[in-house]
Amino acid sequence: MENNLNSSERQDRLKKLENLEALNINAYPAKTNRDFLLSDFLNNFSKLKENKKIVTLVGRIRSLRIHGNLGFFDLEDTSGKLQMVISKKELEDENLFKIFVKNIDIGDFLECQGQAFVTHKGQNSLLVKNWRILSKTLRPIPDSWYGLKDEEERLRKRYLDILMNKEVKEMIIKRSKFWQSMRSFMINKGFLEVETPVLEATPGGADAEGFITHHNALNLDVYLRISMGELWQKKLMVAGFEKTFELGRQFRNEGMDAEHLQDYTQMEFYLAYADYQVGMNLVEEMIKYVAKETFGTLKFKIKDFDVDLGKKWERYDYREVVKEKTGIDVLDTNEREIKDKLNDLGVKYDEKGFNITRAIDNLWKYCRKQITGPGFLVGVPVTVSPLAKRDSDNLELAQRFQPIIAGSELGNGYSELNNPIEQEVRFKEQQNLREAGDKEAQMHDKDFVEALEYGMPPTCGFGVSERLFSFLMNKPARECQIFPLMKPKHD
């Protein structure tokens, strides 16, 4: 029924387009004129009314009502809405009223010339003296988008979701502020913004499965990057830079859920002559700054947690937390024991490529869901940290940290491993895991090891993705993207 209605209305609008063309009216002109945004017009309303100045405003019609030779319609631009009053006797050409009534619809874009005017009900408006169509719409805008409950359809037609839902538009503005404030924070701290390759012969810097494509000119299979240039940025530390960061898109060919995406924005920084302790202090300061700049508060309701980023950030020891909540010591266990515990806890896990590293990680993920935060996870085993420096007090642990907020890790950082010999050993261990079926294990990057042999200073690195933004918004990650990837719809 709805499709038939849309089809009928579309035919009606196509007929109106033909009418305009028959009158030699271009329904899609390129050039427009605008004197004010609608909000600026209202802010200067009294002065413009007093001077009887003719102004030109533009926007989309969002409501329309005709009463005889008089009409009212709301025009909307990015700054807001304004009522237009169109009267047959006030138009420079009376024929324009008839053309308007017969051929203009809600959703059309218009350019209106007129004067500031107060209606008898006291509403500040524009009295239209002349109008010109800027874009004829061929499909009707839904009367109410809130009635559309199907999430897939809402995300597929995201442009309508944004148009009809003020909250979605405000979310997109917040998303922009989120990344702008993070970029400003890094630059103000003296970091240099860099760009590293998106296509890599060997994807590195994360435990993740990458997307593969083919480079025709080089006749080479390449990967879309799975990190924000981690190994490249560390090569810049070798090259003599001391503070770098990159903000961009990265890609992981993994499962979809409320927290994970395949194509998303990430920021990573690398700071020479610093360890993970320095990194934690900097990240805490950054997250507080970004949250305040974006949302105007440090207090958030996230899932079932009440999170106050302004309180003291705790330190959560990986080994102690897991032992307290499950009874297992991650430094004195085996795959069988963890499997039995995961089964007892009802935790589902992927048998394919399962190993002690994945076993420990699954156990930790069960435990972290009970932590409110804010704080940092520390004392992470080296077995799940192939690029991190060992802790000098316990060589089985890594100098790694992860912000914990509302039961999830919202970033990852560590004192970077800069010993080329140990890095070579770690890469080989990862390669063995990969060959045994663990697709998320890291590949052996010989070029990176060679770069380390030229010397990299002590360095702290950290990465954070848009998952942090989605958590602060208290929405699923996919809903916090402007245009999330959707499976093509087949009629």
Protein backbone atom coordinates (compact mmCIF):
# COMPACT_ATOMS: atom_id res chain seq x y z
CA MET A 1 0.00 0.00 0.00
CA GLU A 2 2.78 2.43 0.96
CA ASN A 3 4.78 1.63 -2.18
CA ASN A 4 1.69 2.21 -4.31
CA LEU A 5 1.07 5.52 -2.56
CA ASN A 6 4.68 6.62 -3.11
CA SER A 7 4.48 5.52 -6.74
CA SER A 8 1.25 7.49 -7.26
CA GLU A 9 2.66 10.62 -5.62
CA ARG A 10 5.88 10.30 -7.57
CA GLN A 11 3.90 10.26 -10.82
CA ASP A 12 2.03 13.34 -9.64
CA ARG A 13 5.29 15.15 -8.93
CA LEU A 14 6.75 14.12 -12.27
CA LYS A 15 3.71 15.72 -13.89
CA LYS A 16 4.37 18.94 -11.95
CA LEU A 17 7.96 18.85 -13.14
CA GLU A 18 6.70 18.62 -16.72
CA ASN A 19 4.43 21.60 -16.05
CA LEU A 20 7.36 23.69 -14.88
CA GLU A 21 9.43 22.69 -17.89
CA ALA A 22 6.54 23.62 -20.18
CA LEU A 23 6.62 27.10 -18.60
CA ASN A 24 10.37 27.31 -19.36
CA ILE A 25 11.13 27.15 -15.63
CA ASN A 26 14.36 25.37 -14.75
CA ALA A 27 13.52 23.17 -11.79
CA TYR A 28 17.19 22.50 -11.03
CA PRO A 29 19.16 25.75 -11.46
CA ALA A 30 22.81 25.87 -10.45
CA LYS A 31 23.04 29.46 -9.23
CA THR A 32 21.27 30.62 -6.10
CA ASN A 33 21.26 33.81 -4.07
CA ARG A 34 21.10 34.05 -0.30
CA ASP A 35 21.39 37.11 1.91
CA PHE A 36 20.95 35.41 5.28
CA LEU A 37 20.64 32.08 6.99
CA LEU A 38 17.12 31.86 8.41
CA SER A 39 18.43 32.21 11.97
CA ASP A 40 20.42 35.33 11.01
CA PHE A 41 17.31 36.79 9.38
CA LEU A 42 15.36 36.31 12.64
CA ASN A 43 18.22 37.76 14.69
CA ASN A 44 18.13 40.91 12.54
CA PHE A 45 14.35 40.91 12.09
CA SER A 46 13.48 44.25 13.74
CA LYS A 47 16.10 46.19 11.81
CA LEU A 48 15.16 44.54 8.50
CA LYS A 49 11.46 45.24 9.11
CA GLU A 50 12.14 48.85 9.96
CA ASN A 51 14.22 49.37 6.81
CA LYS A 52 11.69 47.43 4.65
CA LYS A 53 14.69 45.72 3.08
CA ILE A 54 14.12 43.08 0.39
CA VAL A 55 16.09 39.95 1.29
CA THR A 56 16.62 36.56 -0.33
CA LEU A 57 16.28 33.37 1.71
CA VAL A 58 16.59 29.75 0.64
CA GLY A 59 15.64 26.35 2.03
CA ARG A 60 13.41 23.29 1.88
CA ILE A 61 9.63 23.46 2.34
CA ARG A 62 8.70 21.46 5.45
CA SER A 63 5.01 22.36 5.74
CA LEU A 64 2.51 23.96 3.38
CA ARG A 65 -1.07 25.19 3.64
CA ILE A 66 -3.10 27.23 1.15
CA HIS A 67 -6.21 29.26 1.99
CA GLY A 68 -7.71 30.83 -1.12
CA ASN A 69 -5.31 33.47 -2.39
CA LEU A 70 -3.12 33.21 0.70
CA GLY A 71 -0.58 30.55 1.66
CA PHE A 72 1.79 29.74 4.49
CA PHE A 73 4.79 27.48 4.34
CA ASP A 74 7.77 26.76 6.57
CA LEU A 75 11.17 27.02 4.94
CA GLU A 76 14.07 25.16 6.57
CA ASP A 77 17.83 25.50 6.19
CA THR A 78 20.71 24.25 8.32
CA SER A 79 20.09 26.97 10.91
CA GLY A 80 16.36 26.42 11.51
CA LYS A 81 12.88 27.17 10.19
CA LEU A 82 10.99 30.31 9.20
CA GLN A 83 7.41 30.88 8.16
CA MET A 84 6.85 32.28 4.67
CA VAL A 85 3.65 34.12 3.79
CA ILE A 86 2.70 34.04 0.11
CA SER A 87 -0.18 36.24 -1.08
CA LYS A 88 -1.42 36.56 -4.64
CA LYS A 89 -1.75 40.32 -4.38
CA GLU A 90 1.72 40.80 -2.81
CA LEU A 91 3.65 38.91 -5.49
CA GLU A 92 5.43 40.86 -8.20
CA ASP A 93 3.72 38.59 -10.75
CA GLU A 94 0.28 37.23 -9.80
CA ASN A 95 0.82 34.21 -12.07
CA LEU A 96 3.52 33.04 -9.66
CA PHE A 97 0.82 32.26 -7.09
CA LYS A 98 -1.05 29.94 -9.46
CA ILE A 99 2.20 28.25 -10.50
CA PHE A 100 3.12 27.82 -6.84
CA VAL A 101 -0.21 26.29 -5.83
CA LYS A 102 -0.32 23.87 -8.76
CA ASN A 103 3.30 22.71 -8.84
CA ILE A 104 5.06 23.17 -5.51
CA ASP A 105 5.14 20.43 -2.84
CA ILE A 106 6.45 19.84 0.64
CA GLY A 107 10.09 18.89 0.29
CA ASP A 108 10.84 21.22 -2.64
CA PHE A 109 13.72 23.69 -2.32
CA LEU A 110 12.86 27.37 -2.95
CA GLU A 111 14.52 30.73 -3.14
CA CYS A 112 12.23 33.43 -1.72
CA GLN A 113 12.58 37.20 -1.96
CA GLY A 114 10.56 39.34 0.40
CA GLN A 115 10.31 41.57 3.44
CA ALA A 116 10.27 40.99 7.18
CA PHE A 117 6.62 40.69 8.15
CA VAL A 118 4.68 40.05 11.37
CA THR A 119 1.42 38.10 10.97
CA HIS A 120 -1.75 39.05 12.82
CA LYS A 121 -0.91 36.24 15.26
CA GLY A 122 2.41 37.96 16.00
CA GLN A 123 4.69 35.49 14.20
CA ASN A 124 7.85 36.85 12.60
CA SER A 125 7.76 35.79 8.95
CA LEU A 126 8.86 36.69 5.43
CA LEU A 127 6.24 38.19 3.12
CA VAL A 128 7.13 36.71 -0.26
CA LYS A 129 7.40 39.10 -3.19
CA ASN A 130 9.04 36.66 -5.59
CA TRP A 131 10.05 33.02 -5.54
CA ARG A 132 12.09 30.61 -7.62
CA ILE A 133 12.34 26.86 -7.46
CA LEU A 134 15.81 25.47 -6.71
CA SER A 135 15.09 21.74 -6.71
CA LYS A 136 11.90 19.80 -7.43
CA THR A 137 11.52 16.69 -5.27
CA LEU A 138 10.04 13.58 -6.86
CA ARG A 139 9.40 11.56 -3.70
CA PRO A 140 7.44 12.71 -0.64
CA ILE A 141 9.20 13.09 2.69
CA PRO A 142 7.53 10.80 5.26
CA ASP A 143 5.06 12.59 7.53
CA SER A 144 6.75 10.96 10.52
CA TRP A 145 9.97 8.98 10.45
CA TYR A 146 9.51 7.98 14.09
CA GLY A 147 6.87 5.52 12.97
CA LEU A 148 9.44 3.53 11.02
CA LYS A 149 10.59 0.89 13.49
CA ASP A 150 12.69 -1.19 11.12
CA GLU A 151 16.30 -0.32 12.01
CA GLU A 152 17.70 -1.65 8.72
CA GLU A 153 15.40 0.58 6.67
CA ARG A 154 16.15 3.59 8.87
CA LEU A 155 19.91 3.12 8.48
CA ARG A 156 19.61 2.31 4.79
CA LYS A 157 17.79 5.61 4.18
CA ARG A 158 19.93 7.47 6.65
CA TYR A 159 19.40 10.77 4.82
CA LEU A 160 15.71 10.60 5.78
CA ASP A 161 16.60 9.55 9.31
CA ILE A 162 18.78 12.66 9.63
CA LEU A 163 16.17 14.89 7.98
CA MET A 164 13.32 13.73 10.19
CA ASN A 165 15.10 12.98 13.44
CA LYS A 166 16.71 15.94 15.19
CA GLU A 167 18.59 13.63 17.58
CA VAL A 168 20.41 11.93 14.71
CA LYS A 169 21.46 15.27 13.26
CA GLU A 170 22.73 16.40 16.66
CA MET A 171 24.63 13.11 17.03
CA ILE A 172 26.44 13.74 13.75
CA ILE A 173 27.41 17.23 14.93
CA LYS A 174 28.69 15.75 18.21
CA ARG A 175 30.64 13.14 16.27
CA SER A 176 32.41 15.91 14.37
CA LYS A 177 33.17 17.79 17.61
CA PHE A 178 34.49 14.57 19.14
CA TRP A 179 37.19 14.09 16.51
CA GLN A 180 37.89 17.82 16.12
CA SER A 181 38.52 18.15 19.85
CA MET A 182 40.77 15.08 19.87
CA ARG A 183 42.78 16.45 16.95
CA SER A 184 43.05 19.85 18.68
CA PHE A 185 44.19 18.20 21.91
CA MET A 186 46.99 16.32 20.17
CA ILE A 187 48.15 19.33 18.17
CA ASN A 188 48.12 21.53 21.28
CA LYS A 189 50.32 18.93 22.98
CA GLY A 190 52.87 19.31 20.19
CA PHE A 191 52.06 16.18 18.18
CA LEU A 192 52.54 16.14 14.41
CA GLU A 193 49.62 14.80 12.38
CA VAL A 194 50.81 12.29 9.79
CA GLU A 195 49.34 10.08 7.07
CA THR A 196 50.47 6.48 6.61
CA PRO A 197 49.50 3.88 3.96
CA VAL A 198 45.98 2.45 3.89
CA LEU A 199 47.11 -0.39 1.62
CA GLU A 200 49.74 -2.68 3.12
CA ALA A 201 51.58 -5.74 1.90
CA THR A 202 51.69 -6.95 5.50
CA PRO A 203 48.94 -5.67 7.82
CA GLY A 204 50.30 -4.97 11.29
CA GLY A 205 49.71 -3.26 14.59
CA ALA A 206 46.73 -5.28 15.81
CA ASP A 207 45.31 -8.73 16.41
CA ALA A 208 42.70 -8.70 13.66
CA GLU A 209 41.70 -10.20 10.33
CA GLY A 210 42.11 -7.82 7.38
CA PHE A 211 40.36 -7.22 4.09
CA ILE A 212 42.31 -8.40 1.04
CA THR A 213 42.30 -6.71 -2.36
CA HIS A 214 44.52 -6.81 -5.44
CA HIS A 215 46.88 -4.10 -6.66
CA ASN A 216 46.81 -4.38 -10.45
CA ALA A 217 49.86 -2.23 -11.24
CA LEU A 218 52.10 -4.21 -8.89
CA ASN A 219 50.24 -7.50 -9.44
CA LEU A 220 50.21 -7.88 -5.69
CA ASP A 221 47.60 -8.87 -3.10
CA VAL A 222 47.41 -6.16 -0.45
CA TYR A 223 45.46 -5.57 2.75
CA LEU A 224 43.44 -2.65 3.99
CA ARG A 225 45.13 -1.49 7.18
CA ILE A 226 43.94 -2.91 10.50
CA SER A 227 45.59 -0.21 12.63
CA MET A 228 46.15 3.52 12.30
CA GLY A 229 49.64 3.08 10.92
CA GLU A 230 51.15 1.64 14.10
CA LEU A 231 54.23 0.11 12.56
CA TRP A 232 54.63 3.07 10.19
CA GLN A 233 54.42 5.58 13.02
CA LYS A 234 57.01 3.63 14.96
CA LYS A 235 59.25 3.81 11.90
CA LEU A 236 58.82 7.59 12.20
CA MET A 237 60.16 7.29 15.76
CA VAL A 238 63.19 5.53 14.22
CA ALA A 239 63.39 8.42 11.73
CA GLY A 240 63.71 10.98 14.51
CA PHE A 241 60.18 12.24 15.08
CA GLU A 242 59.15 12.24 18.73
CA LYS A 243 55.43 13.02 18.69
CA THR A 244 53.13 11.81 15.91
CA PHE A 245 49.46 10.95 15.56
CA GLU A 246 47.12 9.85 12.80
CA LEU A 247 43.34 10.09 12.62
CA GLY A 248 41.57 8.16 9.87
CA ARG A 249 39.75 5.03 8.74
CA GLN A 250 40.81 1.46 9.35
CA PHE A 251 39.27 -1.87 8.41
CA ARG A 252 38.79 -5.24 10.09
CA ASN A 253 37.05 -8.18 8.45
CA GLU A 254 35.43 -9.44 11.63
CA GLY A 255 32.00 -9.96 13.17
CA MET A 256 29.43 -7.20 13.68
CA ASP A 257 27.86 -6.39 17.02
CA ALA A 258 26.92 -3.38 19.14
CA GLU A 259 30.60 -2.55 19.78
CA HIS A 260 32.41 -3.71 16.63
CA LEU A 261 32.49 -2.36 13.08
CA GLN A 262 34.48 -3.26 9.99
CA ASP A 263 35.09 0.24 8.63
CA TYR A 264 35.61 2.88 11.29
CA THR A 265 37.59 5.89 12.51
CA GLN A 266 40.57 5.56 14.83
CA MET A 267 43.22 7.83 16.31
CA GLU A 268 46.67 6.59 17.31
CA PHE A 269 49.56 8.55 18.78
CA TYR A 270 53.21 7.70 19.44
CA LEU A 271 55.30 9.54 22.01
CA ALA A 272 59.06 9.02 22.21
CA TYR A 273 60.97 8.92 25.52
CA ALA A 274 57.79 7.96 27.38
CA ASP A 275 56.44 4.76 28.91
CA TYR A 276 52.93 3.46 29.54
CA GLN A 277 52.66 5.35 32.84
CA VAL A 278 53.12 8.65 31.01
CA GLY A 279 50.69 7.40 28.37
CA MET A 280 47.96 6.70 30.93
CA ASN A 281 48.16 10.22 32.33
CA LEU A 282 47.99 11.73 28.84
CA VAL A 283 45.06 9.53 27.75
CA GLU A 284 43.06 10.30 30.89
CA GLU A 285 43.55 14.02 30.26
CA MET A 286 42.61 13.61 26.59
CA ILE A 287 39.41 11.63 27.22
CA LYS A 288 38.24 14.13 29.83
CA TYR A 289 38.97 17.02 27.47
CA VAL A 290 37.20 15.42 24.51
CA ALA A 291 34.15 14.42 26.58
CA LYS A 292 33.80 17.92 28.01
CA GLU A 293 34.26 19.63 24.63
CA THR A 294 31.80 17.29 22.89
CA PHE A 295 29.12 16.69 25.50
CA GLY A 296 29.67 19.48 28.03
CA THR A 297 29.83 16.98 30.92
CA LEU A 298 31.96 14.24 32.45
CA LYS A 299 28.99 12.25 33.77
CA PHE A 300 27.38 9.63 31.53
CA LYS A 301 24.73 6.91 31.65
CA ILE A 302 26.20 4.05 29.60
CA LYS A 303 24.19 0.83 29.39
CA ASP A 304 23.50 -0.03 33.05
CA PHE A 305 26.47 1.94 34.37
CA ASP A 306 26.65 5.45 35.82
CA VAL A 307 30.09 6.65 34.77
CA ASP A 308 31.81 9.78 36.10
CA LEU A 309 34.96 10.50 34.11
CA GLY A 310 35.82 13.23 36.61
CA LYS A 311 36.38 10.82 39.52
CA LYS A 312 39.69 9.11 40.33
CA TRP A 313 40.67 6.68 37.57
CA GLU A 314 41.36 3.25 39.03
CA ARG A 315 44.01 0.71 38.05
CA TYR A 316 42.62 -2.77 37.36
CA ASP A 317 45.22 -5.54 37.48
CA TYR A 318 44.42 -8.12 34.78
CA ARG A 319 45.64 -11.12 36.75
CA GLU A 320 43.99 -10.08 40.02
CA VAL A 321 40.62 -9.28 38.43
CA VAL A 322 40.43 -12.58 36.57
CA LYS A 323 41.51 -14.55 39.64
CA GLU A 324 38.98 -12.76 41.85
CA LYS A 325 36.05 -13.31 39.47
CA THR A 326 36.88 -16.78 38.09
CA GLY A 327 39.44 -18.36 40.41
CA ILE A 328 41.94 -18.84 37.55
CA ASP A 329 45.50 -17.50 37.58
CA VAL A 330 46.22 -16.51 33.96
CA LEU A 331 49.95 -16.98 34.54
CA ASP A 332 49.47 -20.52 35.88
CA THR A 333 46.81 -22.19 33.77
CA ASN A 334 46.23 -24.14 30.58
CA GLU A 335 43.82 -24.21 27.70
CA ARG A 336 41.77 -27.10 29.12
CA GLU A 337 41.22 -25.42 32.48
CA ILE A 338 40.08 -22.19 30.84
CA LYS A 339 37.77 -24.04 28.44
CA ASP A 340 36.10 -25.77 31.37
CA LYS A 341 35.69 -22.46 33.19
CA LEU A 342 34.27 -20.73 30.10
CA ASN A 343 31.75 -23.56 29.73
CA ASP A 344 30.82 -23.29 33.42
CA LEU A 345 30.28 -19.54 33.00
CA GLY A 346 28.22 -20.02 29.84
CA VAL A 347 30.66 -18.00 27.75
CA LYS A 348 30.50 -18.79 24.03
CA TYR A 349 33.75 -18.84 22.09
CA ASP A 350 34.98 -19.76 18.63
CA GLU A 351 36.62 -23.19 18.56
CA LYS A 352 38.38 -22.43 15.29
CA GLY A 353 41.92 -21.20 15.93
CA PHE A 354 41.34 -21.42 19.69
CA ASN A 355 44.56 -21.35 21.72
CA ILE A 356 45.84 -20.27 25.12
CA THR A 357 46.00 -16.63 23.98
CA ARG A 358 42.37 -16.62 22.84
CA ALA A 359 41.37 -18.60 25.95
CA ILE A 360 42.82 -16.00 28.32
CA ASP A 361 41.29 -13.17 26.27
CA ASN A 362 37.81 -14.73 26.42
CA LEU A 363 38.11 -15.17 30.17
CA TRP A 364 39.08 -11.52 30.62
CA LYS A 365 36.21 -10.32 28.42
CA TYR A 366 33.80 -12.09 30.76
CA CYS A 367 35.32 -10.29 33.75
CA ARG A 368 35.55 -6.80 32.27
CA LYS A 369 31.76 -6.62 31.74
CA GLN A 370 31.39 -6.19 35.50
CA ILE A 371 33.68 -3.15 35.79
CA THR A 372 32.15 0.35 35.76
CA GLY A 373 35.30 2.43 35.51
CA PRO A 374 36.73 4.84 34.71
CA GLY A 375 40.15 3.30 35.02
CA PHE A 376 42.94 1.49 33.24
CA LEU A 377 43.54 -2.20 32.79
CA VAL A 378 47.19 -2.99 33.61
CA GLY A 379 49.28 -6.12 34.23
CA VAL A 380 48.26 -7.75 30.94
CA PRO A 381 50.08 -11.00 30.05
CA VAL A 382 52.68 -10.78 27.30
CA THR A 383 50.96 -13.68 25.52
CA VAL A 384 48.13 -11.32 24.49
CA SER A 385 50.42 -8.31 23.87
CA PRO A 386 52.81 -9.13 20.98
CA LEU A 387 54.00 -5.55 20.45
CA ALA A 388 54.34 -4.42 24.08
CA LYS A 389 57.47 -4.18 26.20
CA ARG A 390 57.79 -6.65 29.10
CA ASP A 391 57.33 -5.37 32.64
CA SER A 392 60.69 -5.18 34.38
CA ASP A 393 59.23 -6.56 37.64
CA ASN A 394 57.49 -9.52 35.99
CA LEU A 395 58.64 -10.59 32.54
CA GLU A 396 55.41 -12.53 31.97
CA LEU A 397 53.47 -9.25 31.98
CA ALA A 398 53.43 -6.39 29.49
CA GLN A 399 53.60 -2.66 30.09
CA ARG A 400 50.17 -2.28 28.53
CA PHE A 401 47.14 -0.19 29.46
CA GLN A 402 43.55 0.00 28.27
CA PRO A 403 40.87 2.50 29.39
CA ILE A 404 37.97 0.60 31.00
CA ILE A 405 34.60 2.33 30.90
CA ALA A 406 31.18 0.70 31.34
CA GLY A 407 32.46 -2.86 31.11
CA SER A 408 34.53 -2.49 27.97
CA GLU A 409 38.02 -1.61 26.77
CA LEU A 410 37.92 1.71 24.95
CA GLY A 411 41.45 2.00 23.67
CA ASN A 412 44.80 0.26 23.79
CA GLY A 413 48.29 1.46 24.60
CA TYR A 414 51.67 0.28 25.81
CA SER A 415 55.35 0.85 26.20
CA GLU A 416 56.31 -0.15 22.69
CA LEU A 417 58.65 -3.09 22.21
CA ASN A 418 61.82 -1.68 20.66
CA ASN A 419 64.13 -4.68 21.04
CA PRO A 420 64.42 -6.02 17.47
CA ILE A 421 65.55 -9.48 18.58
CA GLU A 422 62.60 -9.97 20.94
CA GLN A 423 60.22 -8.49 18.36
CA GLU A 424 61.44 -11.08 15.84
CA VAL A 425 60.73 -13.87 18.34
CA ARG A 426 57.25 -12.48 19.10
CA PHE A 427 56.40 -12.22 15.40
CA LYS A 428 57.44 -15.84 14.86
CA GLU A 429 55.25 -16.93 17.77
CA GLN A 430 52.33 -15.01 16.22
CA GLN A 431 53.01 -16.55 12.83
CA ASN A 432 52.86 -20.04 14.38
CA LEU A 433 49.48 -19.20 15.88
CA ARG A 434 48.29 -17.90 12.52
CA GLU A 435 49.41 -21.05 10.72
CA ALA A 436 47.53 -23.07 13.35
CA GLY A 437 44.28 -21.32 12.38
CA ASP A 438 44.22 -18.09 14.41
CA LYS A 439 43.33 -15.53 11.72
CA GLU A 440 43.69 -12.64 14.19
CA ALA A 441 47.30 -13.44 15.04
CA GLN A 442 49.78 -10.89 13.70
CA MET A 443 51.85 -11.42 10.56
CA HIS A 444 55.64 -11.48 10.56
CA ASP A 445 56.80 -8.05 9.35
CA LYS A 446 60.50 -8.35 8.48
CA ASP A 447 60.75 -4.72 7.30
CA PHE A 448 59.61 -3.48 10.70
CA VAL A 449 62.14 -5.65 12.52
CA GLU A 450 64.86 -4.28 10.23
CA ALA A 451 63.77 -0.72 11.04
CA LEU A 452 64.01 -1.50 14.77
CA GLU A 453 67.57 -2.64 14.24
CA TYR A 454 68.45 0.97 13.34
CA GLY A 455 67.18 1.95 16.78
CA MET A 456 63.86 3.24 18.15
CA PRO A 457 63.81 5.28 21.38
CA PRO A 458 61.61 4.25 24.31
CA THR A 459 58.12 5.01 23.04
CA CYS A 460 54.54 4.93 24.28
CA GLY A 461 51.77 4.32 21.77
CA PHE A 462 48.00 4.46 22.15
CA GLY A 463 44.98 4.01 19.90
CA VAL A 464 41.28 4.80 20.40
CA SER A 465 38.39 4.22 18.00
CA GLU A 466 34.92 5.61 17.55
CA ARG A 467 33.72 2.96 20.00
CA LEU A 468 34.50 5.53 22.70
CA PHE A 469 32.14 7.98 21.02
CA SER A 470 29.36 5.39 20.74
CA PHE A 471 29.75 4.54 24.42
CA LEU A 472 29.50 8.18 25.47
CA MET A 473 26.43 8.49 23.23
CA ASN A 474 25.10 5.27 24.84
CA LYS A 475 24.20 3.89 21.42
CA PRO A 476 25.30 0.91 19.31
CA ALA A 477 28.41 1.66 17.26
CA ARG A 478 26.62 1.26 13.91
CA GLU A 479 24.01 3.87 14.83
CA CYS A 480 26.79 6.33 15.58
CA GLN A 481 28.19 6.15 12.06
CA ILE A 482 26.78 8.61 9.56
CA PHE A 483 26.34 6.04 6.78
CA PRO A 484 27.00 2.52 8.13
CA LEU A 485 27.75 -0.25 5.66
CA MET A 486 24.53 -2.03 4.68
CA LYS A 487 23.89 -5.18 2.73
CA PRO A 488 22.41 -4.27 -0.68
CA LYS A 489 18.64 -4.50 -0.78
CA HIS A 490 17.17 -6.59 -3.61
CA ASP A 491 13.58 -6.01 -4.68
